[in-house]
Each structure stands twice: as structure tokens, then as C-alpha cells.
């Protein structure tokens, strides 16, 4: 299952709700933003200027390889991305095959290769002002960013890339969840659908 939608739309909230209700032993999650390209040859200042909302900033081919391995029953070691340094950590994270594989990220429904692998495509739809506020709170608390840098990035790349790549990807969704994780009825419907899957 792919879960797409704008930055701050509540994708993680929905993923966490699914894991809590269905059980972590049945679900493996791959976050697309763990696959930001590793660019140690650039200075920190140069890395801060990368457009992280453009598809080219992500190593999606590696994510596709990892999904293929998981689907074939193999464990994978996925990258751990350090958002404060804009680099991958030296350590990786082990992910094991599960009954349900979830891929989430702003651009997962934009990529043709990823879409072809998905049995279910979900788009989380939330108004821009709420998404910006949530992103601002997250980046200040979790990623050590300043208000100025978050605002500048939003205006320079987040908003234009959302309009160019993210918003058009909603046309590929099987299910659209307006309001994000706070739309309890839509999340319950999604959970009910997943709970009908046969045990493996």
C-alpha cells in the first residue's frame, strides 16, 4: 500500500494508527524520505540548498529494489537519514517481509515504478495552511530547524513542488482521505479493508 499526500498532511498519523490496530508483526513500513540521496561530497551549506521536494532528490530506484526483495521474502537493510545533517547515517535499519507493506511519502504516488507495485494507493488531502503549520512544528521540534529556514524552504520548494508533483498524483489514488489522520471514519474504513486480507 502506498500512502501519499503533501508534507504535514498526516500520513504518519495514519500509518501509526494502522500499525496500532492491526499489529506491528503484520506490517512493515518504508518511508520514502529515508531514501534521500547521500551527498557527503557537498558541504553542509550546499546540502541545505538541495530541493528535497523534487523527485530527483530521492534514490527511488533503491526503494524499488528493496520492495522487490521484501515481496520475494527477503530481509532488507534500509537507509537511516539524518535530517539535521542532510546525510545518511552509517548504520542502516533491518526491515523484514510482512503481510502488509506500506510505503509512505509525499511523492510515492508520483512515481510510476512504485505505483505499479502497489495493490492500494491512498492520498491524504489536507489544506495548505494546516500542512504548513504541522510541518513548521515538526521541523522546529524534531529537526532543529529555525522558523526562517522552514518558511523559506516552504516558499522556495515545498509549495511549488507540491503543486507540480504531489497534487497531480492524487489522480492515481484508489482512496482519498480528506482531513488526514483526524478523519476517523475514513481511517476506520481503511482499517476495515486491510483487516479483510487473508492471513499468510
N, C-alpha and C. Protein backbone atom coordinates (compact mmCIF):
# COMPACT_ATOMS: atom_id res chain seq x y z
N UNK A 1 0.84 -1.19 0.00
CA UNK A 1 0.00 0.00 0.00
C UNK A 1 0.88 1.24 0.00
N UNK A 2 0.53 2.19 -0.87
CA UNK A 2 1.23 3.46 -0.88
C UNK A 2 0.37 4.54 -0.25
N UNK A 3 0.97 5.38 0.59
CA UNK A 3 0.26 6.50 1.20
C UNK A 3 1.00 7.77 0.83
N UNK A 4 0.37 8.58 -0.04
CA UNK A 4 0.95 9.84 -0.48
C UNK A 4 0.16 11.02 0.04
N UNK A 5 0.63 12.21 -0.31
CA UNK A 5 -0.02 13.44 0.16
C UNK A 5 1.04 14.44 0.56
N UNK A 6 0.64 15.68 0.71
CA UNK A 6 1.58 16.75 1.00
C UNK A 6 2.29 16.60 2.33
N UNK A 7 3.40 17.32 2.45
CA UNK A 7 4.16 17.36 3.70
C UNK A 7 3.27 17.94 4.80
N UNK A 8 3.14 17.21 5.91
CA UNK A 8 2.31 17.68 7.02
C UNK A 8 0.84 17.30 6.88
N UNK A 9 0.52 16.41 5.95
CA UNK A 9 -0.88 16.05 5.74
C UNK A 9 -1.40 15.02 6.74
N UNK A 10 -0.49 14.33 7.42
CA UNK A 10 -0.92 13.35 8.41
C UNK A 10 -0.70 11.91 7.99
N UNK A 11 0.20 11.69 7.03
CA UNK A 11 0.48 10.32 6.57
C UNK A 11 0.99 9.45 7.71
N UNK A 12 1.92 9.99 8.51
CA UNK A 12 2.49 9.22 9.62
C UNK A 12 1.43 8.87 10.67
N UNK A 13 0.51 9.80 10.91
CA UNK A 13 -0.58 9.54 11.86
C UNK A 13 -1.40 8.34 11.41
N UNK A 14 -1.70 8.29 10.12
CA UNK A 14 -2.49 7.18 9.58
C UNK A 14 -1.71 5.87 9.65
N UNK A 15 -0.43 5.92 9.28
CA UNK A 15 0.42 4.72 9.35
C UNK A 15 0.47 4.20 10.79
N UNK A 16 0.67 5.08 11.76
CA UNK A 16 0.74 4.66 13.16
C UNK A 16 -0.57 4.07 13.64
N UNK A 17 -1.68 4.63 13.18
CA UNK A 17 -3.00 4.10 13.55
C UNK A 17 -3.19 2.69 12.99
N UNK A 18 -2.76 2.49 11.75
CA UNK A 18 -2.86 1.16 11.13
C UNK A 18 -2.02 0.14 11.90
N UNK A 19 -0.79 0.53 12.24
CA UNK A 19 0.10 -0.37 12.98
C UNK A 19 -0.50 -0.72 14.34
N UNK A 20 -1.04 0.28 15.02
CA UNK A 20 -1.61 0.05 16.36
C UNK A 20 -2.81 -0.90 16.31
N UNK A 21 -3.67 -0.72 15.30
CA UNK A 21 -4.90 -1.51 15.23
C UNK A 21 -4.69 -2.91 14.65
N UNK A 22 -3.79 -3.04 13.69
CA UNK A 22 -3.60 -4.33 13.02
C UNK A 22 -2.47 -5.13 13.65
N UNK A 23 -1.49 -4.44 14.21
CA UNK A 23 -0.38 -5.13 14.89
C UNK A 23 0.92 -5.00 14.14
N UNK A 24 1.99 -4.59 14.84
CA UNK A 24 3.28 -4.36 14.17
C UNK A 24 3.88 -5.61 13.55
N UNK A 25 3.47 -6.78 14.03
CA UNK A 25 4.02 -8.03 13.48
C UNK A 25 3.50 -8.32 12.07
N UNK A 26 2.43 -7.63 11.67
CA UNK A 26 1.85 -7.88 10.34
C UNK A 26 2.22 -6.81 9.32
N UNK A 27 2.96 -5.78 9.76
CA UNK A 27 3.20 -4.62 8.90
C UNK A 27 4.67 -4.22 8.88
N UNK A 28 5.18 -3.97 7.69
CA UNK A 28 6.49 -3.32 7.55
C UNK A 28 6.28 -2.00 6.82
N UNK A 29 6.98 -0.96 7.28
CA UNK A 29 6.82 0.37 6.70
C UNK A 29 8.16 0.84 6.13
N UNK A 30 8.11 1.36 4.92
CA UNK A 30 9.28 2.01 4.33
C UNK A 30 8.91 3.46 4.05
N UNK A 31 9.69 4.38 4.61
CA UNK A 31 9.45 5.79 4.41
C UNK A 31 10.30 6.26 3.23
N UNK A 32 9.65 6.86 2.25
CA UNK A 32 10.37 7.32 1.06
C UNK A 32 11.48 8.31 1.43
N UNK A 33 11.24 9.12 2.47
CA UNK A 33 12.25 10.14 2.80
C UNK A 33 13.49 9.57 3.49
N UNK A 34 13.50 8.26 3.77
CA UNK A 34 14.74 7.62 4.22
C UNK A 34 15.71 7.45 3.04
N UNK A 35 15.18 7.62 1.83
CA UNK A 35 15.96 7.36 0.62
C UNK A 35 16.47 8.63 -0.05
N UNK A 36 16.52 9.73 0.71
CA UNK A 36 17.17 10.92 0.15
C UNK A 36 18.61 10.54 -0.21
N UNK A 37 19.08 11.09 -1.31
CA UNK A 37 20.42 10.74 -1.79
C UNK A 37 21.48 11.17 -0.78
N UNK A 38 22.49 10.34 -0.65
CA UNK A 38 23.61 10.61 0.25
C UNK A 38 24.62 11.47 -0.51
N UNK A 39 24.83 12.71 -0.05
CA UNK A 39 25.70 13.63 -0.78
C UNK A 39 26.83 14.16 0.13
N UNK A 40 27.71 13.29 0.62
CA UNK A 40 28.78 13.74 1.52
C UNK A 40 29.82 14.61 0.84
N UNK A 41 29.86 14.58 -0.50
CA UNK A 41 30.84 15.40 -1.22
C UNK A 41 30.47 16.89 -1.18
N UNK A 42 29.23 17.20 -0.78
CA UNK A 42 28.80 18.58 -0.67
C UNK A 42 29.02 19.10 0.74
N UNK A 43 29.25 20.38 0.88
CA UNK A 43 29.32 20.99 2.22
C UNK A 43 27.92 21.04 2.81
N UNK A 44 27.84 21.25 4.13
CA UNK A 44 26.53 21.35 4.78
C UNK A 44 25.71 22.47 4.14
N UNK A 45 26.34 23.60 3.89
CA UNK A 45 25.63 24.74 3.29
C UNK A 45 25.07 24.36 1.92
N UNK A 46 25.87 23.63 1.14
CA UNK A 46 25.41 23.20 -0.18
C UNK A 46 24.24 22.22 -0.06
N UNK A 47 24.32 21.34 0.95
CA UNK A 47 23.25 20.36 1.13
C UNK A 47 21.94 21.03 1.54
N UNK A 48 22.03 22.13 2.30
CA UNK A 48 20.80 22.81 2.72
C UNK A 48 20.08 23.45 1.54
N UNK A 49 20.78 23.61 0.42
CA UNK A 49 20.17 24.25 -0.76
C UNK A 49 19.56 23.23 -1.73
N UNK A 50 19.67 21.94 -1.40
CA UNK A 50 19.08 20.91 -2.25
C UNK A 50 17.56 21.03 -2.20
N UNK A 51 16.92 20.85 -3.32
CA UNK A 51 15.45 20.85 -3.37
C UNK A 51 14.96 19.45 -2.97
N UNK A 52 14.67 19.27 -1.69
CA UNK A 52 14.29 17.96 -1.17
C UNK A 52 12.85 17.57 -1.53
N UNK A 53 12.13 18.45 -2.19
CA UNK A 53 10.75 18.16 -2.57
C UNK A 53 10.64 17.79 -4.06
N UNK A 54 11.79 17.70 -4.73
CA UNK A 54 11.81 17.29 -6.13
C UNK A 54 12.12 15.79 -6.20
N UNK A 55 11.49 15.05 -7.10
CA UNK A 55 11.73 13.60 -7.19
C UNK A 55 13.20 13.23 -7.34
N UNK A 56 14.01 14.08 -7.99
CA UNK A 56 15.42 13.76 -8.21
C UNK A 56 16.24 13.70 -6.92
N UNK A 57 15.71 14.26 -5.83
CA UNK A 57 16.45 14.25 -4.56
C UNK A 57 16.40 12.89 -3.88
N UNK A 58 15.56 11.99 -4.40
CA UNK A 58 15.34 10.68 -3.79
C UNK A 58 15.92 9.56 -4.64
N UNK A 59 16.49 8.56 -3.97
CA UNK A 59 17.00 7.38 -4.67
C UNK A 59 15.89 6.34 -4.74
N UNK A 60 14.89 6.64 -5.56
CA UNK A 60 13.69 5.80 -5.62
C UNK A 60 14.00 4.41 -6.19
N UNK A 61 15.00 4.33 -7.06
CA UNK A 61 15.38 3.02 -7.60
C UNK A 61 15.79 2.04 -6.52
N UNK A 62 16.49 2.54 -5.48
CA UNK A 62 16.89 1.67 -4.37
C UNK A 62 15.67 1.23 -3.57
N UNK A 63 14.70 2.13 -3.38
CA UNK A 63 13.46 1.77 -2.69
C UNK A 63 12.72 0.67 -3.46
N UNK A 64 12.67 0.80 -4.77
CA UNK A 64 12.02 -0.22 -5.61
C UNK A 64 12.72 -1.57 -5.44
N UNK A 65 14.06 -1.56 -5.46
CA UNK A 65 14.82 -2.80 -5.25
C UNK A 65 14.47 -3.43 -3.90
N UNK A 66 14.43 -2.61 -2.85
CA UNK A 66 14.13 -3.12 -1.51
C UNK A 66 12.71 -3.70 -1.44
N UNK A 67 11.77 -3.04 -2.09
CA UNK A 67 10.39 -3.56 -2.10
C UNK A 67 10.33 -4.91 -2.83
N UNK A 68 11.04 -5.00 -3.95
CA UNK A 68 11.07 -6.27 -4.70
C UNK A 68 11.63 -7.40 -3.84
N UNK A 69 12.69 -7.08 -3.07
CA UNK A 69 13.28 -8.09 -2.19
C UNK A 69 12.32 -8.51 -1.08
N UNK A 70 11.64 -7.54 -0.49
CA UNK A 70 10.67 -7.84 0.57
C UNK A 70 9.52 -8.68 0.03
N UNK A 71 9.03 -8.32 -1.15
CA UNK A 71 7.93 -9.07 -1.75
C UNK A 71 8.34 -10.51 -2.05
N UNK A 72 9.63 -10.71 -2.37
CA UNK A 72 10.13 -12.07 -2.65
C UNK A 72 10.52 -12.81 -1.37
N UNK A 73 10.30 -12.18 -0.21
CA UNK A 73 10.52 -12.87 1.06
C UNK A 73 11.88 -12.66 1.70
N UNK A 74 12.63 -11.68 1.22
CA UNK A 74 13.97 -11.42 1.77
C UNK A 74 13.97 -10.21 2.70
N UNK A 75 14.84 -10.25 3.71
CA UNK A 75 15.05 -9.09 4.57
C UNK A 75 15.85 -8.03 3.80
N UNK A 76 15.68 -6.76 4.19
CA UNK A 76 16.47 -5.69 3.58
C UNK A 76 17.04 -4.78 4.67
N UNK A 77 18.11 -4.09 4.33
CA UNK A 77 18.70 -3.07 5.20
C UNK A 77 18.45 -1.72 4.54
N UNK A 78 17.60 -0.91 5.14
CA UNK A 78 17.24 0.36 4.52
C UNK A 78 18.04 1.50 5.15
N UNK A 79 18.21 2.59 4.41
CA UNK A 79 18.98 3.72 4.95
C UNK A 79 18.29 4.39 6.14
N UNK A 80 19.10 5.02 6.98
CA UNK A 80 18.59 5.92 8.03
C UNK A 80 19.09 7.31 7.67
N UNK A 81 18.16 8.23 7.47
CA UNK A 81 18.55 9.58 7.03
C UNK A 81 18.53 10.55 8.19
N UNK A 82 19.61 11.31 8.31
CA UNK A 82 19.72 12.32 9.36
C UNK A 82 19.30 13.67 8.78
N UNK A 83 18.11 14.13 9.19
CA UNK A 83 17.54 15.35 8.59
C UNK A 83 18.23 16.61 9.09
N UNK A 84 18.89 16.54 10.23
CA UNK A 84 19.61 17.72 10.73
C UNK A 84 20.90 17.96 9.93
N UNK A 85 21.55 16.86 9.50
CA UNK A 85 22.82 16.96 8.77
C UNK A 85 22.63 16.81 7.25
N UNK A 86 21.44 16.38 6.83
CA UNK A 86 21.16 16.12 5.41
C UNK A 86 22.11 15.06 4.84
N UNK A 87 22.30 14.01 5.63
CA UNK A 87 23.15 12.88 5.21
C UNK A 87 22.56 11.58 5.75
N UNK A 88 22.91 10.47 5.11
CA UNK A 88 22.53 9.16 5.66
C UNK A 88 23.49 8.81 6.80
N UNK A 89 22.95 8.13 7.81
CA UNK A 89 23.79 7.61 8.89
C UNK A 89 24.62 6.43 8.37
N UNK A 90 25.67 6.11 9.11
CA UNK A 90 26.49 4.95 8.73
C UNK A 90 25.75 3.65 9.00
N UNK A 91 24.81 3.68 9.96
CA UNK A 91 24.03 2.48 10.28
C UNK A 91 22.80 2.41 9.37
N UNK A 92 22.25 1.20 9.24
CA UNK A 92 21.02 1.00 8.47
C UNK A 92 19.98 0.33 9.37
N UNK A 93 18.79 0.16 8.85
CA UNK A 93 17.69 -0.42 9.63
C UNK A 93 17.18 -1.67 8.92
N UNK A 94 17.04 -2.74 9.68
CA UNK A 94 16.56 -4.00 9.11
C UNK A 94 15.04 -3.98 9.00
N UNK A 95 14.53 -4.36 7.82
CA UNK A 95 13.09 -4.49 7.60
C UNK A 95 12.82 -5.91 7.10
N UNK A 96 11.81 -6.54 7.67
CA UNK A 96 11.52 -7.94 7.31
C UNK A 96 10.22 -8.01 6.51
N UNK A 97 10.06 -9.05 5.67
CA UNK A 97 8.82 -9.21 4.90
C UNK A 97 7.63 -9.39 5.84
N UNK A 98 6.51 -8.77 5.49
CA UNK A 98 5.29 -8.88 6.29
C UNK A 98 4.08 -9.01 5.37
N UNK A 99 2.94 -9.33 5.98
CA UNK A 99 1.70 -9.46 5.23
C UNK A 99 1.33 -8.14 4.53
N UNK A 100 1.59 -7.03 5.23
CA UNK A 100 1.28 -5.71 4.67
C UNK A 100 2.56 -4.89 4.58
N UNK A 101 2.85 -4.38 3.40
CA UNK A 101 3.97 -3.46 3.20
C UNK A 101 3.39 -2.08 2.93
N UNK A 102 3.82 -1.09 3.70
CA UNK A 102 3.36 0.27 3.49
C UNK A 102 4.55 1.13 3.07
N UNK A 103 4.35 1.89 1.99
CA UNK A 103 5.34 2.88 1.57
C UNK A 103 4.68 4.24 1.69
N UNK A 104 5.30 5.15 2.46
CA UNK A 104 4.69 6.47 2.59
C UNK A 104 5.69 7.56 2.20
N UNK A 105 5.13 8.67 1.76
CA UNK A 105 5.97 9.80 1.35
C UNK A 105 5.20 10.72 0.43
N UNK A 106 5.67 11.96 0.33
CA UNK A 106 4.93 12.93 -0.46
C UNK A 106 4.88 12.57 -1.94
N UNK A 107 5.88 11.82 -2.42
CA UNK A 107 5.99 11.57 -3.86
C UNK A 107 5.76 10.11 -4.26
N UNK A 108 5.26 9.27 -3.34
CA UNK A 108 5.15 7.84 -3.67
C UNK A 108 4.13 7.57 -4.77
N UNK A 109 3.09 8.40 -4.87
CA UNK A 109 2.10 8.18 -5.93
C UNK A 109 2.48 8.90 -7.22
N UNK A 110 3.57 9.67 -7.16
CA UNK A 110 4.06 10.37 -8.36
C UNK A 110 4.91 9.44 -9.22
N UNK A 111 5.48 8.40 -8.62
CA UNK A 111 6.44 7.54 -9.32
C UNK A 111 5.75 6.33 -9.95
N UNK A 112 5.93 6.18 -11.24
CA UNK A 112 5.27 5.11 -11.98
C UNK A 112 5.71 3.72 -11.53
N UNK A 113 7.02 3.55 -11.27
CA UNK A 113 7.52 2.25 -10.83
C UNK A 113 6.90 1.84 -9.50
N UNK A 114 6.84 2.79 -8.57
CA UNK A 114 6.26 2.48 -7.27
C UNK A 114 4.77 2.16 -7.40
N UNK A 115 4.06 2.95 -8.18
CA UNK A 115 2.61 2.72 -8.33
C UNK A 115 2.31 1.33 -8.86
N UNK A 116 3.13 0.85 -9.79
CA UNK A 116 2.89 -0.47 -10.37
C UNK A 116 3.03 -1.59 -9.34
N UNK A 117 3.75 -1.32 -8.25
CA UNK A 117 3.96 -2.34 -7.22
C UNK A 117 2.85 -2.33 -6.17
N UNK A 118 2.02 -1.29 -6.18
CA UNK A 118 1.03 -1.11 -5.11
C UNK A 118 -0.30 -1.78 -5.45
N UNK A 119 -0.86 -2.46 -4.46
CA UNK A 119 -2.21 -3.00 -4.59
C UNK A 119 -3.26 -1.97 -4.17
N UNK A 120 -2.84 -1.02 -3.35
CA UNK A 120 -3.77 0.01 -2.86
C UNK A 120 -3.02 1.33 -2.75
N UNK A 121 -3.62 2.38 -3.31
CA UNK A 121 -2.98 3.70 -3.31
C UNK A 121 -3.89 4.69 -2.58
N UNK A 122 -3.32 5.36 -1.57
CA UNK A 122 -4.07 6.27 -0.72
C UNK A 122 -3.45 7.66 -0.81
N UNK A 123 -4.30 8.67 -0.93
CA UNK A 123 -3.83 10.06 -0.94
C UNK A 123 -4.47 10.79 0.24
N UNK A 124 -3.64 11.43 1.05
CA UNK A 124 -4.12 12.15 2.23
C UNK A 124 -4.21 13.63 1.87
N UNK A 125 -5.41 14.18 1.96
CA UNK A 125 -5.69 15.52 1.45
C UNK A 125 -6.01 16.48 2.59
N UNK A 126 -5.14 17.46 2.79
CA UNK A 126 -5.28 18.43 3.88
C UNK A 126 -4.99 19.83 3.33
N UNK A 127 -5.73 20.87 3.76
CA UNK A 127 -5.50 22.23 3.26
C UNK A 127 -4.06 22.70 3.51
N UNK A 128 -3.53 23.55 2.61
CA UNK A 128 -2.14 24.00 2.69
C UNK A 128 -1.76 24.68 4.01
N UNK A 129 -2.66 25.49 4.58
CA UNK A 129 -2.29 26.20 5.80
C UNK A 129 -2.06 25.24 6.95
N UNK A 130 -2.90 24.21 7.07
CA UNK A 130 -2.70 23.21 8.13
C UNK A 130 -1.42 22.41 7.91
N UNK A 131 -1.15 22.07 6.65
CA UNK A 131 0.08 21.31 6.36
C UNK A 131 1.31 22.12 6.72
N UNK A 132 1.29 23.42 6.41
CA UNK A 132 2.44 24.26 6.74
C UNK A 132 2.65 24.35 8.25
N UNK A 133 1.57 24.55 9.01
CA UNK A 133 1.68 24.65 10.48
C UNK A 133 2.25 23.35 11.06
N UNK A 134 1.75 22.21 10.58
CA UNK A 134 2.25 20.93 11.08
C UNK A 134 3.73 20.72 10.72
N UNK A 135 4.08 21.09 9.50
CA UNK A 135 5.48 20.96 9.07
C UNK A 135 6.38 21.86 9.91
N UNK A 136 5.94 23.09 10.16
CA UNK A 136 6.71 24.03 10.97
C UNK A 136 6.94 23.47 12.37
N UNK A 137 5.89 22.97 13.00
CA UNK A 137 6.02 22.40 14.35
C UNK A 137 6.96 21.21 14.36
N UNK A 138 6.84 20.33 13.37
CA UNK A 138 7.70 19.14 13.30
C UNK A 138 9.16 19.52 13.10
N UNK A 139 9.43 20.42 12.15
CA UNK A 139 10.82 20.76 11.84
C UNK A 139 11.49 21.53 12.97
N UNK A 140 10.73 22.33 13.70
CA UNK A 140 11.29 23.04 14.85
C UNK A 140 11.63 22.06 15.97
N UNK A 141 10.71 21.14 16.24
CA UNK A 141 10.87 20.22 17.38
C UNK A 141 11.81 19.05 17.09
N UNK A 142 11.66 18.46 15.90
CA UNK A 142 12.34 17.20 15.62
C UNK A 142 13.61 17.35 14.79
N UNK A 143 13.72 18.43 14.03
CA UNK A 143 14.83 18.51 13.07
C UNK A 143 15.74 19.71 13.31
N UNK A 144 15.54 20.43 14.42
CA UNK A 144 16.44 21.50 14.80
C UNK A 144 16.48 22.66 13.84
N UNK A 145 15.37 22.92 13.14
CA UNK A 145 15.33 23.98 12.15
C UNK A 145 14.87 25.30 12.78
N UNK A 146 15.09 26.40 12.08
CA UNK A 146 14.59 27.71 12.52
C UNK A 146 13.31 28.04 11.77
N UNK A 147 12.51 28.96 12.31
CA UNK A 147 11.27 29.38 11.65
C UNK A 147 11.60 29.95 10.27
N UNK A 148 12.66 30.75 10.21
CA UNK A 148 13.05 31.38 8.95
C UNK A 148 13.39 30.35 7.89
N UNK A 149 14.18 29.32 8.26
CA UNK A 149 14.60 28.33 7.26
C UNK A 149 13.42 27.48 6.79
N UNK A 150 12.52 27.14 7.72
CA UNK A 150 11.35 26.33 7.34
C UNK A 150 10.44 27.13 6.40
N UNK A 151 10.24 28.41 6.73
CA UNK A 151 9.38 29.27 5.91
C UNK A 151 9.97 29.48 4.53
N UNK A 152 11.28 29.73 4.48
CA UNK A 152 11.95 29.95 3.20
C UNK A 152 11.86 28.69 2.32
N UNK A 153 12.10 27.53 2.93
CA UNK A 153 12.04 26.28 2.17
C UNK A 153 10.62 26.03 1.66
N UNK A 154 9.63 26.35 2.49
CA UNK A 154 8.24 26.15 2.09
C UNK A 154 7.91 26.98 0.84
N UNK A 155 8.32 28.25 0.87
CA UNK A 155 8.01 29.14 -0.25
C UNK A 155 8.82 28.82 -1.50
N UNK A 156 10.11 28.45 -1.29
CA UNK A 156 11.01 28.21 -2.42
C UNK A 156 10.80 26.87 -3.10
N UNK A 157 10.51 25.83 -2.31
CA UNK A 157 10.43 24.49 -2.92
C UNK A 157 9.22 23.66 -2.52
N UNK A 158 8.81 23.69 -1.24
CA UNK A 158 7.72 22.81 -0.81
C UNK A 158 6.43 23.12 -1.57
N UNK A 159 6.03 24.39 -1.57
CA UNK A 159 4.76 24.74 -2.22
C UNK A 159 4.81 24.54 -3.73
N UNK A 160 5.85 25.05 -4.44
CA UNK A 160 5.85 24.83 -5.89
C UNK A 160 5.96 23.36 -6.30
N UNK A 161 6.73 22.57 -5.54
CA UNK A 161 6.86 21.14 -5.87
C UNK A 161 5.57 20.38 -5.55
N UNK A 162 4.87 20.83 -4.50
CA UNK A 162 3.57 20.22 -4.18
C UNK A 162 2.61 20.42 -5.36
N UNK A 163 2.59 21.66 -5.87
CA UNK A 163 1.68 21.96 -6.97
C UNK A 163 2.07 21.23 -8.26
N UNK A 164 3.38 21.02 -8.44
CA UNK A 164 3.86 20.39 -9.68
C UNK A 164 3.79 18.86 -9.65
N UNK A 165 4.12 18.26 -8.50
CA UNK A 165 4.25 16.80 -8.44
C UNK A 165 3.25 16.10 -7.50
N UNK A 166 3.06 16.66 -6.31
CA UNK A 166 2.27 15.96 -5.29
C UNK A 166 0.78 16.03 -5.59
N UNK A 167 0.26 17.24 -5.76
CA UNK A 167 -1.17 17.40 -6.01
C UNK A 167 -1.65 16.63 -7.24
N UNK A 168 -0.91 16.67 -8.38
CA UNK A 168 -1.37 15.88 -9.53
C UNK A 168 -1.38 14.37 -9.28
N UNK A 169 -0.58 13.89 -8.31
CA UNK A 169 -0.51 12.45 -8.06
C UNK A 169 -1.78 11.90 -7.40
N UNK A 170 -2.63 12.79 -6.89
CA UNK A 170 -3.87 12.32 -6.26
C UNK A 170 -4.78 11.60 -7.26
N UNK A 171 -4.61 11.91 -8.57
CA UNK A 171 -5.43 11.26 -9.58
C UNK A 171 -5.20 9.75 -9.63
N UNK A 172 -4.06 9.30 -9.11
CA UNK A 172 -3.74 7.86 -9.14
C UNK A 172 -4.28 7.12 -7.92
N UNK A 173 -4.84 7.84 -6.96
CA UNK A 173 -5.25 7.21 -5.70
C UNK A 173 -6.52 6.39 -5.86
N UNK A 174 -6.57 5.26 -5.15
CA UNK A 174 -7.80 4.47 -5.05
C UNK A 174 -8.70 5.04 -3.96
N UNK A 175 -8.06 5.59 -2.93
CA UNK A 175 -8.79 6.16 -1.79
C UNK A 175 -8.20 7.53 -1.47
N UNK A 176 -9.05 8.52 -1.27
CA UNK A 176 -8.61 9.84 -0.83
C UNK A 176 -9.16 10.10 0.57
N UNK A 177 -8.27 10.47 1.49
CA UNK A 177 -8.68 10.73 2.87
C UNK A 177 -8.58 12.24 3.13
N UNK A 178 -9.72 12.94 3.07
CA UNK A 178 -9.70 14.36 3.40
C UNK A 178 -9.54 14.57 4.90
N UNK A 179 -8.74 15.55 5.29
CA UNK A 179 -8.58 15.83 6.72
C UNK A 179 -7.48 15.04 7.39
N UNK A 180 -6.87 14.10 6.69
CA UNK A 180 -5.75 13.34 7.25
C UNK A 180 -6.15 12.38 8.35
N UNK A 181 -5.24 12.17 9.28
CA UNK A 181 -5.44 11.20 10.36
C UNK A 181 -6.57 11.55 11.29
N UNK A 182 -7.04 12.79 11.24
CA UNK A 182 -8.15 13.20 12.11
C UNK A 182 -9.51 12.81 11.53
N UNK A 183 -9.51 12.31 10.30
CA UNK A 183 -10.75 11.83 9.68
C UNK A 183 -10.94 10.37 10.12
N UNK A 184 -11.50 10.21 11.30
CA UNK A 184 -11.58 8.88 11.91
C UNK A 184 -12.41 7.90 11.08
N UNK A 185 -13.48 8.39 10.46
CA UNK A 185 -14.33 7.49 9.68
C UNK A 185 -13.58 6.92 8.48
N UNK A 186 -12.82 7.78 7.78
CA UNK A 186 -12.06 7.31 6.62
C UNK A 186 -10.97 6.34 7.05
N UNK A 187 -10.30 6.63 8.16
CA UNK A 187 -9.25 5.74 8.65
C UNK A 187 -9.85 4.39 9.07
N UNK A 188 -11.02 4.42 9.69
CA UNK A 188 -11.69 3.18 10.08
C UNK A 188 -12.05 2.34 8.86
N UNK A 189 -12.50 3.00 7.79
CA UNK A 189 -12.82 2.27 6.55
C UNK A 189 -11.56 1.61 5.97
N UNK A 190 -10.46 2.34 6.00
CA UNK A 190 -9.19 1.80 5.51
C UNK A 190 -8.76 0.59 6.35
N UNK A 191 -8.88 0.72 7.66
CA UNK A 191 -8.54 -0.38 8.56
C UNK A 191 -9.42 -1.60 8.29
N UNK A 192 -10.72 -1.37 8.10
CA UNK A 192 -11.65 -2.48 7.84
C UNK A 192 -11.25 -3.22 6.57
N UNK A 193 -10.83 -2.46 5.56
CA UNK A 193 -10.40 -3.06 4.30
C UNK A 193 -9.15 -3.92 4.52
N UNK A 194 -8.17 -3.40 5.24
CA UNK A 194 -6.94 -4.14 5.50
C UNK A 194 -7.18 -5.38 6.35
N UNK A 195 -8.14 -5.29 7.26
CA UNK A 195 -8.41 -6.44 8.13
C UNK A 195 -9.11 -7.58 7.42
N UNK A 196 -9.58 -7.33 6.19
CA UNK A 196 -10.20 -8.42 5.42
C UNK A 196 -9.17 -9.24 4.67
N UNK A 197 -7.90 -8.81 4.70
CA UNK A 197 -6.86 -9.54 3.98
C UNK A 197 -6.69 -10.93 4.59
N UNK A 198 -6.51 -11.95 3.75
CA UNK A 198 -6.31 -13.31 4.27
C UNK A 198 -4.96 -13.42 4.99
N UNK A 199 -4.92 -14.25 6.02
CA UNK A 199 -3.66 -14.49 6.75
C UNK A 199 -2.70 -15.24 5.85
N UNK A 200 -1.40 -14.88 5.96
CA UNK A 200 -0.37 -15.61 5.20
C UNK A 200 0.37 -16.56 6.12
